Amino acid sequence: MSLIKWTEEDDGRIRLGLPSDLDLPMAQPLLDSLRAAFKASADVGVQADAVERISVACVQALVVAARDAAEQGNSFAILRPSEVLADACEDLGLAGWLKQWRRA
């Protein structure tokens, strides 16, 4: 069972709610959830306000999802990223990337 919550909205958008702890073992479930979401919808949002800990591998999974969405003309957004996620992106030199994909 994944700790990532899946919600399909009435308009067909998929929202993935991230858990508070996105440590290294969560990287593959996160990537799998993102891939499944994009198979189900061309509009995927990741609710990230609960993230209290995140590994580099999980940040990489989000970057891959954003890149793939852009290449395929899909919509992707990181919704309300937590301060921890924002700080991790800043530390990795990805503050600009987060700003591009962030939505309040």
Protein backbone atom coordinates (compact mmCIF):
# COMPACT_ATOMS: atom_id res chain seq x y z
CA MET A 1 0.00 0.00 0.00
CA SER A 2 1.33 3.39 -0.96
CA LEU A 3 1.18 6.38 1.35
CA ILE A 4 0.54 8.59 -1.67
CA LYS A 5 -3.14 9.56 -1.83
CA TRP A 6 -4.79 9.49 -5.25
CA THR A 7 -7.79 11.72 -6.00
CA GLU A 8 -9.55 11.97 -9.34
CA GLU A 9 -11.47 15.22 -9.61
CA ASP A 10 -14.75 15.68 -11.50
CA ASP A 11 -12.96 17.38 -14.40
CA GLY A 12 -10.60 14.40 -14.88
CA ARG A 13 -7.59 15.92 -13.15
CA ILE A 14 -5.54 13.69 -10.89
CA ARG A 15 -4.20 14.94 -7.56
CA LEU A 16 -1.54 13.04 -5.69
CA GLY A 17 -1.26 13.87 -2.01
CA LEU A 18 2.28 13.37 -0.78
CA PRO A 19 2.98 11.98 2.70
CA SER A 20 5.06 13.81 5.27
CA ASP A 21 8.06 11.49 4.86
CA LEU A 22 9.43 11.07 1.35
CA ASP A 23 12.60 9.21 2.22
CA LEU A 24 14.63 7.08 -0.18
CA PRO A 25 12.32 4.01 -0.10
CA MET A 26 9.43 6.28 -1.20
CA ALA A 27 11.18 7.29 -4.46
CA GLN A 28 9.98 4.30 -6.47
CA PRO A 29 6.37 4.41 -5.21
CA LEU A 30 6.34 8.15 -5.97
CA LEU A 31 7.64 7.59 -9.50
CA ASP A 32 5.16 4.74 -10.05
CA SER A 33 2.28 6.91 -8.80
CA LEU A 34 3.28 9.77 -11.08
CA ARG A 35 3.49 7.47 -14.10
CA ALA A 36 0.10 5.93 -13.32
CA ALA A 37 -1.44 9.37 -12.86
CA PHE A 38 -0.21 10.52 -16.27
CA LYS A 39 -1.62 7.36 -17.85
CA ALA A 40 -5.01 8.26 -16.36
CA SER A 41 -4.96 12.01 -17.04
CA ALA A 42 -3.05 14.70 -18.92
CA ASP A 43 -3.44 17.01 -15.89
CA VAL A 44 -1.64 15.96 -12.72
CA GLY A 45 -1.08 17.96 -9.56
CA VAL A 46 1.04 16.97 -6.61
CA GLN A 47 -0.19 18.23 -3.23
CA ALA A 48 3.07 18.81 -1.34
CA ASP A 49 2.15 20.88 1.71
CA ALA A 50 2.51 17.92 4.12
CA VAL A 51 6.12 17.10 3.16
CA GLU A 52 8.36 17.30 6.23
CA ARG A 53 11.28 15.24 4.91
CA ILE A 54 12.34 14.54 1.33
CA SER A 55 15.20 12.60 -0.23
CA VAL A 56 17.09 13.71 -3.31
CA ALA A 57 15.69 10.67 -5.14
CA CYS A 58 12.12 11.89 -4.51
CA VAL A 59 13.03 15.37 -5.75
CA GLN A 60 14.44 13.68 -8.85
CA ALA A 61 11.16 11.81 -9.38
CA LEU A 62 9.29 15.13 -9.34
CA VAL A 63 11.79 16.66 -11.78
CA VAL A 64 11.37 13.69 -14.14
CA ALA A 65 7.56 14.03 -13.97
CA ALA A 66 7.77 17.74 -14.81
CA ARG A 67 10.15 17.08 -17.71
CA ASP A 68 8.01 14.29 -19.11
CA ALA A 69 4.84 16.38 -18.76
CA ALA A 70 6.45 19.26 -20.65
CA GLU A 71 7.70 16.97 -23.41
CA GLN A 72 4.26 15.41 -23.88
CA GLY A 73 2.26 18.63 -23.55
CA ASN A 74 0.65 17.54 -20.30
CA SER A 75 -0.15 19.74 -17.34
CA PHE A 76 1.84 19.25 -14.13
CA ALA A 77 1.94 21.29 -10.96
CA ILE A 78 3.34 21.09 -7.47
CA LEU A 79 0.57 22.43 -5.29
CA ARG A 80 1.49 24.32 -2.13
CA PRO A 81 4.99 22.91 -1.67
CA SER A 82 6.07 22.78 1.94
CA GLU A 83 8.96 24.85 3.23
CA VAL A 84 10.99 21.64 3.53
CA LEU A 85 10.47 20.86 -0.17
CA ALA A 86 11.28 24.45 -1.12
CA ASP A 87 14.46 24.35 1.00
CA ALA A 88 15.52 21.02 -0.53
CA CYS A 89 15.07 22.44 -4.02
CA GLU A 90 17.02 25.54 -3.03
CA ASP A 91 19.86 23.39 -1.65
CA LEU A 92 19.95 21.39 -4.91
CA GLY A 93 19.98 24.46 -7.12
CA LEU A 94 16.39 23.80 -8.23
CA ALA A 95 14.64 26.88 -6.83
CA GLY A 96 13.92 28.13 -10.36
CA TRP A 97 12.55 24.75 -11.35
CA LEU A 98 10.20 24.72 -8.36
CA LYS A 99 9.05 28.25 -9.13
CA GLN A 100 8.19 27.16 -12.69
CA TRP A 101 6.07 24.19 -11.58
CA ARG A 102 4.65 25.59 -8.33
CA ARG A 103 1.04 26.59 -7.88
CA ALA A 104 -0.46 28.02 -4.72
